[in-house]
C-alpha atoms as a PDB file:
ATOM      1  CA  UNK A   1     244.801 -90.077 -56.347  1.00  0.00           C
ATOM      2  CA  UNK A   2     244.444 -90.068 -60.126  1.00  0.00           C
ATOM      3  CA  UNK A   3     244.634 -86.698 -61.922  1.00  0.00           C
ATOM      4  CA  UNK A   4     241.081 -87.125 -63.349  1.00  0.00           C
ATOM      5  CA  UNK A   5     239.667 -87.836 -59.898  1.00  0.00           C
ATOM      6  CA  UNK A   6     241.451 -84.784 -58.501  1.00  0.00           C
ATOM      7  CA  UNK A   7     240.005 -82.585 -61.256  1.00  0.00           C
ATOM      8  CA  UNK A   8     236.485 -83.944 -60.641  1.00  0.00           C
ATOM      9  CA  UNK A   9     236.840 -83.460 -56.896  1.00  0.00           C
ATOM     10  CA  UNK A  10     238.086 -79.886 -57.391  1.00  0.00           C
ATOM     11  CA  UNK A  11     235.252 -79.101 -59.814  1.00  0.00           C
ATOM     12  CA  UNK A  12     232.669 -80.560 -57.432  1.00  0.00           C
ATOM     13  CA  UNK A  13     234.125 -78.607 -54.529  1.00  0.00           C
ATOM     14  CA  UNK A  14     234.135 -75.380 -56.575  1.00  0.00           C
ATOM     15  CA  UNK A  15     230.507 -75.984 -57.575  1.00  0.00           C
ATOM     16  CA  UNK A  16     229.500 -76.628 -53.961  1.00  0.00           C
ATOM     17  CA  UNK A  17     231.260 -73.481 -52.745  1.00  0.00           C
ATOM     18  CA  UNK A  18     229.701 -71.448 -55.561  1.00  0.00           C
ATOM     19  CA  UNK A  19     226.215 -72.699 -54.772  1.00  0.00           C
ATOM     20  CA  UNK A  20     226.713 -72.082 -51.063  1.00  0.00           C
ATOM     21  CA  UNK A  21     227.898 -68.515 -51.742  1.00  0.00           C
ATOM     22  CA  UNK A  22     224.954 -67.903 -54.084  1.00  0.00           C
ATOM     23  CA  UNK A  23     222.558 -69.201 -51.423  1.00  0.00           C
ATOM     24  CA  UNK A  24     224.197 -66.971 -48.827  1.00  0.00           C
ATOM     25  CA  UNK A  25     223.779 -63.904 -51.072  1.00  0.00           C
ATOM     26  CA  UNK A  26     220.131 -64.760 -51.727  1.00  0.00           C
ATOM     27  CA  UNK A  27     219.499 -65.145 -47.995  1.00  0.00           C
ATOM     28  CA  UNK A  28     221.239 -61.847 -47.291  1.00  0.00           C
ATOM     29  CA  UNK A  29     218.925 -60.060 -49.730  1.00  0.00           C
ATOM     30  CA  UNK A  30     215.940 -61.265 -47.669  1.00  0.00           C
ATOM     31  CA  UNK A  31     217.263 -59.594 -44.527  1.00  0.00           C
ATOM     32  CA  UNK A  32     216.215 -56.172 -43.386  1.00  0.00           C
ATOM     33  CA  UNK A  33     218.892 -53.503 -42.858  1.00  0.00           C
ATOM     34  CA  UNK A  34     219.034 -54.413 -39.168  1.00  0.00           C
ATOM     35  CA  UNK A  35     219.970 -57.968 -40.111  1.00  0.00           C
ATOM     36  CA  UNK A  36     216.615 -59.446 -39.148  1.00  0.00           C
ATOM     37  CA  UNK A  37     215.065 -61.869 -41.555  1.00  0.00           C
ATOM     38  CA  UNK A  38     211.956 -60.625 -43.296  1.00  0.00           C
ATOM     39  CA  UNK A  39     209.113 -62.952 -44.116  1.00  0.00           C
ATOM     40  CA  UNK A  40     207.280 -63.134 -47.376  1.00  0.00           C
ATOM     41  CA  UNK A  41     204.570 -60.534 -47.256  1.00  0.00           C
ATOM     42  CA  UNK A  42     201.358 -61.993 -45.880  1.00  0.00           C
ATOM     43  CA  UNK A  43     198.326 -61.871 -48.108  1.00  0.00           C
ATOM     44  CA  UNK A  44     196.367 -58.730 -47.337  1.00  0.00           C
ATOM     45  CA  UNK A  45     192.637 -58.745 -46.740  1.00  0.00           C
ATOM     46  CA  UNK A  46     190.814 -57.248 -49.707  1.00  0.00           C
ATOM     47  CA  UNK A  47     189.037 -54.093 -48.540  1.00  0.00           C
ATOM     48  CA  UNK A  48     187.040 -51.342 -50.200  1.00  0.00           C
ATOM     49  CA  UNK A  49     190.148 -49.201 -50.667  1.00  0.00           C
ATOM     50  CA  UNK A  50     191.594 -51.805 -52.993  1.00  0.00           C
ATOM     51  CA  UNK A  51     188.215 -52.946 -54.417  1.00  0.00           C
ATOM     52  CA  UNK A  52     187.444 -49.464 -55.751  1.00  0.00           C
ATOM     53  CA  UNK A  53     190.736 -49.394 -57.676  1.00  0.00           C
ATOM     54  CA  UNK A  54     190.207 -52.814 -59.266  1.00  0.00           C
ATOM     55  CA  UNK A  55     189.021 -53.277 -62.837  1.00  0.00           C
ATOM     56  CA  UNK A  56     185.739 -55.036 -63.470  1.00  0.00           C
ATOM     57  CA  UNK A  57     187.688 -58.072 -64.697  1.00  0.00           C
ATOM     58  CA  UNK A  58     189.666 -58.210 -61.452  1.00  0.00           C
ATOM     59  CA  UNK A  59     186.477 -57.969 -59.388  1.00  0.00           C
ATOM     60  CA  UNK A  60     184.820 -60.739 -61.399  1.00  0.00           C
ATOM     61  CA  UNK A  61     187.952 -62.888 -61.040  1.00  0.00           C
ATOM     62  CA  UNK A  62     187.930 -62.398 -57.261  1.00  0.00           C
ATOM     63  CA  UNK A  63     184.257 -63.388 -56.916  1.00  0.00           C
ATOM     64  CA  UNK A  64     184.738 -66.281 -59.322  1.00  0.00           C
ATOM     65  CA  UNK A  65     187.719 -67.466 -57.267  1.00  0.00           C
ATOM     66  CA  UNK A  66     185.695 -67.340 -54.060  1.00  0.00           C
ATOM     67  CA  UNK A  67     182.972 -69.373 -55.753  1.00  0.00           C
ATOM     68  CA  UNK A  68     185.543 -71.872 -56.950  1.00  0.00           C
ATOM     69  CA  UNK A  69     186.938 -72.343 -53.438  1.00  0.00           C
ATOM     70  CA  UNK A  70     183.402 -72.831 -52.094  1.00  0.00           C
ATOM     71  CA  UNK A  71     182.728 -75.437 -54.798  1.00  0.00           C
ATOM     72  CA  UNK A  72     185.923 -77.353 -54.010  1.00  0.00           C
ATOM     73  CA  UNK A  73     185.153 -77.330 -50.286  1.00  0.00           C
ATOM     74  CA  UNK A  74     181.606 -78.559 -50.865  1.00  0.00           C
ATOM     75  CA  UNK A  75     182.859 -81.329 -53.156  1.00  0.00           C
ATOM     76  CA  UNK A  76     185.345 -82.452 -50.514  1.00  0.00           C
ATOM     77  CA  UNK A  77     182.700 -82.268 -47.776  1.00  0.00           C
ATOM     78  CA  UNK A  78     180.378 -84.434 -49.860  1.00  0.00           C
ATOM     79  CA  UNK A  79     182.990 -87.207 -49.718  1.00  0.00           C
ATOM     80  CA  UNK A  80     183.222 -86.935 -45.910  1.00  0.00           C
ATOM     81  CA  UNK A  81     181.560 -90.038 -44.487  1.00  0.00           C
ATOM     82  CA  UNK A  82     181.023 -88.735 -40.945  1.00  0.00           C
ATOM     83  CA  UNK A  83     178.017 -86.807 -39.707  1.00  0.00           C
ATOM     84  CA  UNK A  84     177.112 -83.983 -42.062  1.00  0.00           C
ATOM     85  CA  UNK A  85     177.722 -80.487 -40.836  1.00  0.00           C
ATOM     86  CA  UNK A  86     176.875 -76.973 -41.786  1.00  0.00           C
ATOM     87  CA  UNK A  87     180.033 -75.292 -43.034  1.00  0.00           C
ATOM     88  CA  UNK A  88     180.957 -71.832 -44.158  1.00  0.00           C
ATOM     89  CA  UNK A  89     181.038 -73.147 -47.725  1.00  0.00           C
ATOM     90  CA  UNK A  90     177.554 -74.586 -47.427  1.00  0.00           C
ATOM     91  CA  UNK A  91     176.237 -71.285 -46.140  1.00  0.00           C
ATOM     92  CA  UNK A  92     178.070 -69.309 -48.833  1.00  0.00           C
ATOM     93  CA  UNK A  93     176.670 -71.589 -51.526  1.00  0.00           C
ATOM     94  CA  UNK A  94     173.153 -71.310 -50.089  1.00  0.00           C
ATOM     95  CA  UNK A  95     173.305 -67.560 -49.625  1.00  0.00           C
ATOM     96  CA  UNK A  96     174.681 -66.870 -53.078  1.00  0.00           C
ATOM     97  CA  UNK A  97     172.659 -69.511 -54.955  1.00  0.00           C
ATOM     98  CA  UNK A  98     171.324 -68.190 -58.233  1.00  0.00           C
ATOM     99  CA  UNK A  99     173.127 -64.855 -57.992  1.00  0.00           C
ATOM    100  CA  UNK A 100     175.101 -63.965 -61.099  1.00  0.00           C
ATOM    101  CA  UNK A 101     178.679 -62.872 -60.488  1.00  0.00           C
ATOM    102  CA  UNK A 102     177.961 -59.416 -61.906  1.00  0.00           C
ATOM    103  CA  UNK A 103     175.154 -58.943 -59.342  1.00  0.00           C
ATOM    104  CA  UNK A 104     177.577 -59.774 -56.537  1.00  0.00           C
ATOM    105  CA  UNK A 105     180.157 -57.341 -57.928  1.00  0.00           C
ATOM    106  CA  UNK A 106     177.469 -54.648 -58.300  1.00  0.00           C
ATOM    107  CA  UNK A 107     176.289 -55.186 -54.722  1.00  0.00           C
ATOM    108  CA  UNK A 108     179.812 -54.782 -53.365  1.00  0.00           C
ATOM    109  CA  UNK A 109     180.353 -51.699 -55.538  1.00  0.00           C
ATOM    110  CA  UNK A 110     177.092 -50.202 -54.229  1.00  0.00           C
ATOM    111  CA  UNK A 111     178.016 -50.903 -50.619  1.00  0.00           C
ATOM    112  CA  UNK A 112     181.295 -49.012 -50.867  1.00  0.00           C
ATOM    113  CA  UNK A 113     179.691 -46.179 -52.863  1.00  0.00           C
ATOM    114  CA  UNK A 114     176.999 -45.767 -50.184  1.00  0.00           C
ATOM    115  CA  UNK A 115     179.434 -46.259 -47.276  1.00  0.00           C
ATOM    116  CA  UNK A 116     182.519 -44.319 -48.324  1.00  0.00           C
ATOM    117  CA  UNK A 117     183.651 -44.030 -44.692  1.00  0.00           C
ATOM    118  CA  UNK A 118     183.734 -47.843 -44.429  1.00  0.00           C
ATOM    119  CA  UNK A 119     186.342 -48.556 -47.088  1.00  0.00           C
ATOM    120  CA  UNK A 120     188.334 -50.561 -44.559  1.00  0.00           C
ATOM    121  CA  UNK A 121     185.549 -53.177 -44.369  1.00  0.00           C
ATOM    122  CA  UNK A 122     186.733 -56.475 -45.899  1.00  0.00           C
ATOM    123  CA  UNK A 123     185.039 -57.391 -49.174  1.00  0.00           C
ATOM    124  CA  UNK A 124     184.249 -60.876 -47.841  1.00  0.00           C
ATOM    125  CA  UNK A 125     182.467 -59.295 -44.870  1.00  0.00           C
ATOM    126  CA  UNK A 126     180.384 -57.179 -47.245  1.00  0.00           C
ATOM    127  CA  UNK A 127     179.475 -60.258 -49.279  1.00  0.00           C
ATOM    128  CA  UNK A 128     178.590 -62.164 -46.106  1.00  0.00           C
ATOM    129  CA  UNK A 129     176.493 -59.452 -44.448  1.00  0.00           C
ATOM    130  CA  UNK A 130     174.773 -58.066 -47.545  1.00  0.00           C
ATOM    131  CA  UNK A 131     174.322 -61.169 -49.696  1.00  0.00           C
ATOM    132  CA  UNK A 132     174.816 -64.417 -47.800  1.00  0.00           C
ATOM    133  CA  UNK A 133     173.435 -63.845 -44.311  1.00  0.00           C
ATOM    134  CA  UNK A 134     170.009 -62.552 -45.449  1.00  0.00           C
ATOM    135  CA  UNK A 135     169.504 -65.779 -47.426  1.00  0.00           C
ATOM    136  CA  UNK A 136     170.386 -68.359 -44.779  1.00  0.00           C
ATOM    137  CA  UNK A 137     168.384 -69.509 -41.770  1.00  0.00           C
ATOM    138  CA  UNK A 138     171.034 -68.951 -39.100  1.00  0.00           C
ATOM    139  CA  UNK A 139     174.282 -67.044 -38.875  1.00  0.00           C
ATOM    140  CA  UNK A 140     176.064 -69.730 -36.894  1.00  0.00           C
ATOM    141  CA  UNK A 141     178.378 -72.248 -38.463  1.00  0.00           C
ATOM    142  CA  UNK A 142     178.649 -75.550 -36.684  1.00  0.00           C
ATOM    143  CA  UNK A 143     181.877 -77.443 -36.282  1.00  0.00           C
ATOM    144  CA  UNK A 144     182.473 -81.041 -37.342  1.00  0.00           C
ATOM    145  CA  UNK A 145     181.322 -83.729 -34.956  1.00  0.00           C
ATOM    146  CA  UNK A 146     184.261 -85.817 -33.749  1.00  0.00           C
END
């Protein structure tokens, strides 16, 4: 074997061992003290406990994000060529139609202020029960027809 090839092979081997050791250390950091692997923390449901600590900008961003997801879902559903269906997004859009974001935020704030013992209620449930459901014809959501 030529000296240059041996040097390249040694360098490549050293790099591979170094990367493997680095990966091993990173994996070890993700283990609990008992040696069990821990998973990335699941996204928590936003409840009144957290909602009350949020700034107005954070609350607006949350409601805006929900509206954005509903819009994307409705856009995708509009491209669906099969039988039309009533979806959660359709009902959310119908129930919240014409409501300014600040009115939605204020309604959620009012709910938790008036129901301080219900701070564990999810914010999305509050939006559904207090704002969406009263403005739709039925509280059932049908599934797609196959």
